Amino acid sequence: MIAFQDFIPQRQGPRISFKGYENLHELVSRANRWVEQHQIDVINIETVILSHLPGEEESPKVKMDAPSMALSVYQIVRVWYRQSSAISTPYTGQTTRLGDTHD
């Protein structure tokens, strides 16, 4: 069975600017640790751009400039993997799947 796990930037300090969130390098490191700890059979890894994070009211402070407009977005890491019957429960940690409503 195919499954995915999203690694969403976590706050690391006061919410003043994007500097208060994990950067892409930190997200990739966290994804690598999860893959190693759980011996995940990775199919693909991608980055996904979101206008806001689940549960966030405002868009983040990272700007991507386009002609005549600026857009603030979050970049997350999504790991697609083959889920075997040996994996009984998914990793919970601080990583959440998009759409989860658990607080």
N, C-alpha and C. Protein backbone atom coordinates (compact mmCIF):
# COMPACT_ATOMS: atom_id res chain seq x y z
N MET A 1 0.84 -1.17 0.00
CA MET A 1 0.00 0.00 0.00
C MET A 1 0.89 1.25 0.00
N ILE A 2 0.49 2.27 -0.75
CA ILE A 2 1.24 3.52 -0.83
C ILE A 2 0.67 4.50 0.19
N ALA A 3 1.57 5.21 0.88
CA ALA A 3 1.16 6.20 1.88
C ALA A 3 2.10 7.40 1.77
N PHE A 4 1.78 8.48 2.48
CA PHE A 4 2.68 9.63 2.52
C PHE A 4 2.72 10.21 3.91
N GLN A 5 3.80 10.92 4.19
CA GLN A 5 3.97 11.62 5.46
C GLN A 5 4.44 13.04 5.15
N ASP A 6 3.76 14.04 5.71
CA ASP A 6 4.14 15.43 5.51
C ASP A 6 4.99 15.91 6.68
N PHE A 7 6.03 16.66 6.37
CA PHE A 7 6.89 17.29 7.36
C PHE A 7 6.67 18.79 7.22
N ILE A 8 5.98 19.35 8.21
CA ILE A 8 5.53 20.73 8.18
C ILE A 8 6.43 21.57 9.08
N PRO A 9 6.84 22.76 8.64
CA PRO A 9 7.70 23.61 9.48
C PRO A 9 7.08 23.84 10.85
N GLN A 10 7.88 23.61 11.88
CA GLN A 10 7.45 23.82 13.26
C GLN A 10 7.97 25.16 13.75
N ARG A 11 7.22 25.80 14.60
CA ARG A 11 7.69 27.05 15.21
C ARG A 11 8.88 26.76 16.10
N GLN A 12 9.86 27.66 16.06
CA GLN A 12 11.06 27.49 16.87
C GLN A 12 11.33 28.69 17.76
N GLY A 13 10.39 29.56 17.87
CA GLY A 13 10.58 30.75 18.69
C GLY A 13 9.38 31.66 18.56
N PRO A 14 9.54 32.89 18.97
CA PRO A 14 8.42 33.84 18.87
C PRO A 14 7.98 34.00 17.42
N ARG A 15 6.71 34.18 17.22
CA ARG A 15 6.16 34.32 15.87
C ARG A 15 6.29 35.76 15.40
N ILE A 16 7.51 36.14 15.07
CA ILE A 16 7.78 37.49 14.60
C ILE A 16 8.02 37.49 13.09
N SER A 17 8.74 36.49 12.62
CA SER A 17 9.04 36.37 11.20
C SER A 17 9.22 34.91 10.85
N PHE A 18 9.49 34.63 9.58
CA PHE A 18 9.71 33.25 9.14
C PHE A 18 10.88 32.62 9.88
N LYS A 19 11.79 33.44 10.40
CA LYS A 19 12.95 32.91 11.11
C LYS A 19 12.52 32.10 12.33
N GLY A 20 11.29 32.22 12.76
CA GLY A 20 10.77 31.46 13.88
C GLY A 20 10.35 30.05 13.50
N TYR A 21 10.48 29.67 12.24
CA TYR A 21 10.08 28.35 11.75
C TYR A 21 11.29 27.58 11.23
N GLU A 22 11.16 26.25 11.21
CA GLU A 22 12.21 25.42 10.62
C GLU A 22 12.38 25.80 9.15
N ASN A 23 13.62 25.71 8.66
CA ASN A 23 13.85 25.95 7.25
C ASN A 23 13.82 24.62 6.49
N LEU A 24 13.97 24.67 5.18
CA LEU A 24 13.88 23.46 4.36
C LEU A 24 14.94 22.44 4.75
N HIS A 25 16.16 22.88 5.04
CA HIS A 25 17.23 21.97 5.44
C HIS A 25 16.84 21.20 6.71
N GLU A 26 16.24 21.89 7.67
CA GLU A 26 15.81 21.24 8.92
C GLU A 26 14.66 20.26 8.67
N LEU A 27 13.76 20.61 7.77
CA LEU A 27 12.67 19.69 7.42
C LEU A 27 13.21 18.42 6.78
N VAL A 28 14.17 18.56 5.86
CA VAL A 28 14.76 17.40 5.20
C VAL A 28 15.49 16.54 6.22
N SER A 29 16.20 17.16 7.15
CA SER A 29 16.89 16.40 8.20
C SER A 29 15.89 15.62 9.04
N ARG A 30 14.77 16.24 9.38
CA ARG A 30 13.75 15.56 10.17
C ARG A 30 13.14 14.39 9.39
N ALA A 31 12.90 14.61 8.09
CA ALA A 31 12.38 13.54 7.24
C ALA A 31 13.39 12.38 7.16
N ASN A 32 14.68 12.70 7.02
CA ASN A 32 15.71 11.66 6.97
C ASN A 32 15.74 10.84 8.26
N ARG A 33 15.64 11.51 9.40
CA ARG A 33 15.62 10.79 10.69
C ARG A 33 14.43 9.85 10.77
N TRP A 34 13.26 10.31 10.34
CA TRP A 34 12.05 9.49 10.36
C TRP A 34 12.22 8.27 9.45
N VAL A 35 12.76 8.47 8.25
CA VAL A 35 12.98 7.37 7.31
C VAL A 35 13.93 6.34 7.92
N GLU A 36 15.03 6.81 8.53
CA GLU A 36 16.00 5.90 9.13
C GLU A 36 15.42 5.18 10.35
N GLN A 37 14.76 5.91 11.24
CA GLN A 37 14.22 5.31 12.47
C GLN A 37 13.17 4.25 12.19
N HIS A 38 12.39 4.46 11.15
CA HIS A 38 11.28 3.55 10.87
C HIS A 38 11.52 2.65 9.66
N GLN A 39 12.75 2.68 9.13
CA GLN A 39 13.14 1.86 7.97
C GLN A 39 12.08 1.93 6.87
N ILE A 40 11.81 3.14 6.45
CA ILE A 40 10.77 3.41 5.46
C ILE A 40 11.26 3.07 4.06
N ASP A 41 10.40 2.43 3.27
CA ASP A 41 10.68 2.12 1.87
C ASP A 41 10.19 3.31 1.04
N VAL A 42 11.08 4.29 0.81
CA VAL A 42 10.72 5.55 0.14
C VAL A 42 10.50 5.32 -1.35
N ILE A 43 9.41 5.87 -1.85
CA ILE A 43 9.11 5.84 -3.29
C ILE A 43 9.54 7.16 -3.93
N ASN A 44 9.20 8.28 -3.26
CA ASN A 44 9.50 9.59 -3.81
C ASN A 44 9.45 10.62 -2.67
N ILE A 45 10.17 11.71 -2.86
CA ILE A 45 10.12 12.83 -1.92
C ILE A 45 9.89 14.09 -2.74
N GLU A 46 8.98 14.93 -2.27
CA GLU A 46 8.68 16.16 -2.99
C GLU A 46 8.50 17.31 -2.01
N THR A 47 8.60 18.51 -2.52
CA THR A 47 8.24 19.67 -1.72
C THR A 47 6.88 20.15 -2.20
N VAL A 48 6.09 20.64 -1.28
CA VAL A 48 4.75 21.12 -1.59
C VAL A 48 4.67 22.56 -1.07
N ILE A 49 4.11 23.43 -1.87
CA ILE A 49 3.96 24.83 -1.50
C ILE A 49 2.52 25.06 -1.04
N LEU A 50 2.37 25.68 0.14
CA LEU A 50 1.05 25.98 0.70
C LEU A 50 0.95 27.46 1.02
N SER A 51 -0.24 28.02 0.90
CA SER A 51 -0.43 29.43 1.25
C SER A 51 -0.51 29.62 2.76
N HIS A 52 -0.86 28.55 3.48
CA HIS A 52 -0.89 28.59 4.95
C HIS A 52 -0.77 27.16 5.47
N LEU A 53 -0.37 27.04 6.71
CA LEU A 53 -0.25 25.73 7.33
C LEU A 53 -1.57 25.34 7.97
N PRO A 54 -1.81 24.04 8.09
CA PRO A 54 -3.04 23.62 8.78
C PRO A 54 -3.10 24.24 10.17
N GLY A 55 -4.20 24.88 10.49
CA GLY A 55 -4.37 25.52 11.79
C GLY A 55 -3.82 26.93 11.88
N GLU A 56 -3.18 27.41 10.84
CA GLU A 56 -2.63 28.77 10.84
C GLU A 56 -3.64 29.72 10.21
N GLU A 57 -3.79 30.90 10.78
CA GLU A 57 -4.71 31.89 10.24
C GLU A 57 -4.06 32.76 9.18
N GLU A 58 -2.78 33.04 9.34
CA GLU A 58 -2.08 33.93 8.41
C GLU A 58 -1.16 33.13 7.51
N SER A 59 -0.80 33.72 6.39
CA SER A 59 0.21 33.11 5.55
C SER A 59 1.58 33.42 6.15
N PRO A 60 2.59 32.61 5.86
CA PRO A 60 3.91 32.82 6.44
C PRO A 60 4.65 33.99 5.81
N LYS A 61 5.82 34.23 6.28
CA LYS A 61 6.58 35.39 5.85
C LYS A 61 7.68 35.06 4.84
N VAL A 62 7.47 34.06 4.01
CA VAL A 62 8.43 33.73 2.96
C VAL A 62 7.84 34.22 1.65
N LYS A 63 8.57 35.04 0.95
CA LYS A 63 8.01 35.62 -0.27
C LYS A 63 8.59 34.98 -1.52
N MET A 64 7.71 34.70 -2.46
CA MET A 64 8.10 34.27 -3.80
C MET A 64 7.58 35.35 -4.72
N ASP A 65 8.47 36.05 -5.39
CA ASP A 65 8.06 37.16 -6.23
C ASP A 65 7.71 36.68 -7.63
N ALA A 66 6.59 37.15 -8.13
CA ALA A 66 6.15 36.88 -9.49
C ALA A 66 5.84 38.22 -10.13
N PRO A 67 5.78 38.28 -11.46
CA PRO A 67 5.47 39.56 -12.10
C PRO A 67 4.18 40.17 -11.55
N SER A 68 4.28 41.40 -11.11
CA SER A 68 3.18 42.21 -10.59
C SER A 68 2.50 41.67 -9.33
N MET A 69 3.11 40.69 -8.66
CA MET A 69 2.51 40.23 -7.40
C MET A 69 3.55 39.53 -6.53
N ALA A 70 3.31 39.52 -5.25
CA ALA A 70 4.15 38.78 -4.32
C ALA A 70 3.25 37.84 -3.53
N LEU A 71 3.73 36.64 -3.30
CA LEU A 71 2.94 35.63 -2.61
C LEU A 71 3.72 35.07 -1.45
N SER A 72 3.12 35.00 -0.29
CA SER A 72 3.76 34.41 0.87
C SER A 72 3.33 32.95 0.97
N VAL A 73 4.30 32.05 1.13
CA VAL A 73 3.99 30.62 1.14
C VAL A 73 4.85 29.85 2.14
N TYR A 74 4.40 28.63 2.49
CA TYR A 74 5.17 27.67 3.26
C TYR A 74 5.63 26.57 2.32
N GLN A 75 6.78 26.04 2.57
CA GLN A 75 7.27 24.89 1.81
C GLN A 75 7.36 23.72 2.77
N ILE A 76 6.69 22.60 2.44
CA ILE A 76 6.74 21.41 3.27
C ILE A 76 7.42 20.29 2.49
N VAL A 77 7.82 19.25 3.19
CA VAL A 77 8.42 18.07 2.56
C VAL A 77 7.42 16.93 2.69
N ARG A 78 7.11 16.28 1.58
CA ARG A 78 6.20 15.12 1.57
C ARG A 78 6.99 13.89 1.14
N VAL A 79 6.93 12.85 1.95
CA VAL A 79 7.60 11.57 1.66
C VAL A 79 6.54 10.56 1.28
N TRP A 80 6.62 10.06 0.05
CA TRP A 80 5.75 8.98 -0.41
C TRP A 80 6.49 7.68 -0.15
N TYR A 81 5.81 6.70 0.42
CA TYR A 81 6.49 5.45 0.75
C TYR A 81 5.55 4.26 0.62
N ARG A 82 6.19 3.09 0.55
CA ARG A 82 5.45 1.84 0.48
C ARG A 82 5.24 1.36 1.90
N GLN A 83 3.99 1.26 2.31
CA GLN A 83 3.67 0.86 3.67
C GLN A 83 3.51 -0.66 3.71
N SER A 84 4.33 -1.29 4.52
CA SER A 84 4.25 -2.75 4.64
C SER A 84 3.39 -3.11 5.84
N SER A 85 3.03 -4.38 5.92
CA SER A 85 2.22 -4.83 7.04
C SER A 85 3.00 -4.78 8.35
N ALA A 86 4.35 -4.66 8.26
CA ALA A 86 5.18 -4.57 9.46
C ALA A 86 5.02 -3.23 10.16
N ILE A 87 4.54 -2.23 9.44
CA ILE A 87 4.33 -0.90 10.04
C ILE A 87 2.93 -0.88 10.62
N SER A 88 2.82 -1.00 11.94
CA SER A 88 1.51 -1.09 12.55
C SER A 88 0.92 0.28 12.89
N THR A 89 1.78 1.22 13.30
CA THR A 89 1.28 2.57 13.61
C THR A 89 2.22 3.59 12.99
N PRO A 90 1.67 4.67 12.43
CA PRO A 90 2.52 5.69 11.83
C PRO A 90 3.27 6.50 12.88
N TYR A 91 4.38 7.08 12.49
CA TYR A 91 5.16 7.96 13.34
C TYR A 91 4.28 9.14 13.73
N THR A 92 4.26 9.50 15.00
CA THR A 92 3.42 10.61 15.42
C THR A 92 4.23 11.86 15.71
N GLY A 93 5.23 11.83 16.55
CA GLY A 93 6.10 12.97 16.82
C GLY A 93 5.38 14.30 16.70
N GLN A 94 6.05 15.30 16.15
CA GLN A 94 5.43 16.60 15.90
C GLN A 94 5.01 16.74 14.46
N THR A 95 5.27 15.74 13.66
CA THR A 95 4.92 15.79 12.25
C THR A 95 3.46 15.39 12.09
N THR A 96 2.74 16.12 11.27
CA THR A 96 1.33 15.80 11.03
C THR A 96 1.08 15.71 9.54
N ARG A 97 0.02 15.00 9.21
CA ARG A 97 -0.42 14.95 7.82
C ARG A 97 -1.32 16.15 7.56
N LEU A 98 -1.29 16.65 6.36
CA LEU A 98 -2.19 17.74 6.01
C LEU A 98 -3.62 17.23 6.16
N GLY A 99 -4.47 18.06 6.69
CA GLY A 99 -5.86 17.67 6.84
C GLY A 99 -6.18 17.06 8.18
N ASP A 100 -5.15 16.64 8.95
CA ASP A 100 -5.43 16.12 10.29
C ASP A 100 -5.98 17.24 11.13
N THR A 101 -6.96 16.94 11.95
CA THR A 101 -7.56 17.98 12.78
C THR A 101 -7.26 17.77 14.24
N HIS A 102 -6.28 16.90 14.56
CA HIS A 102 -5.93 16.64 15.94
C HIS A 102 -5.11 17.80 16.48
N ASP A 103 -5.43 18.31 17.66
CA ASP A 103 -4.66 19.40 18.29
C ASP A 103 -3.81 18.88 19.39
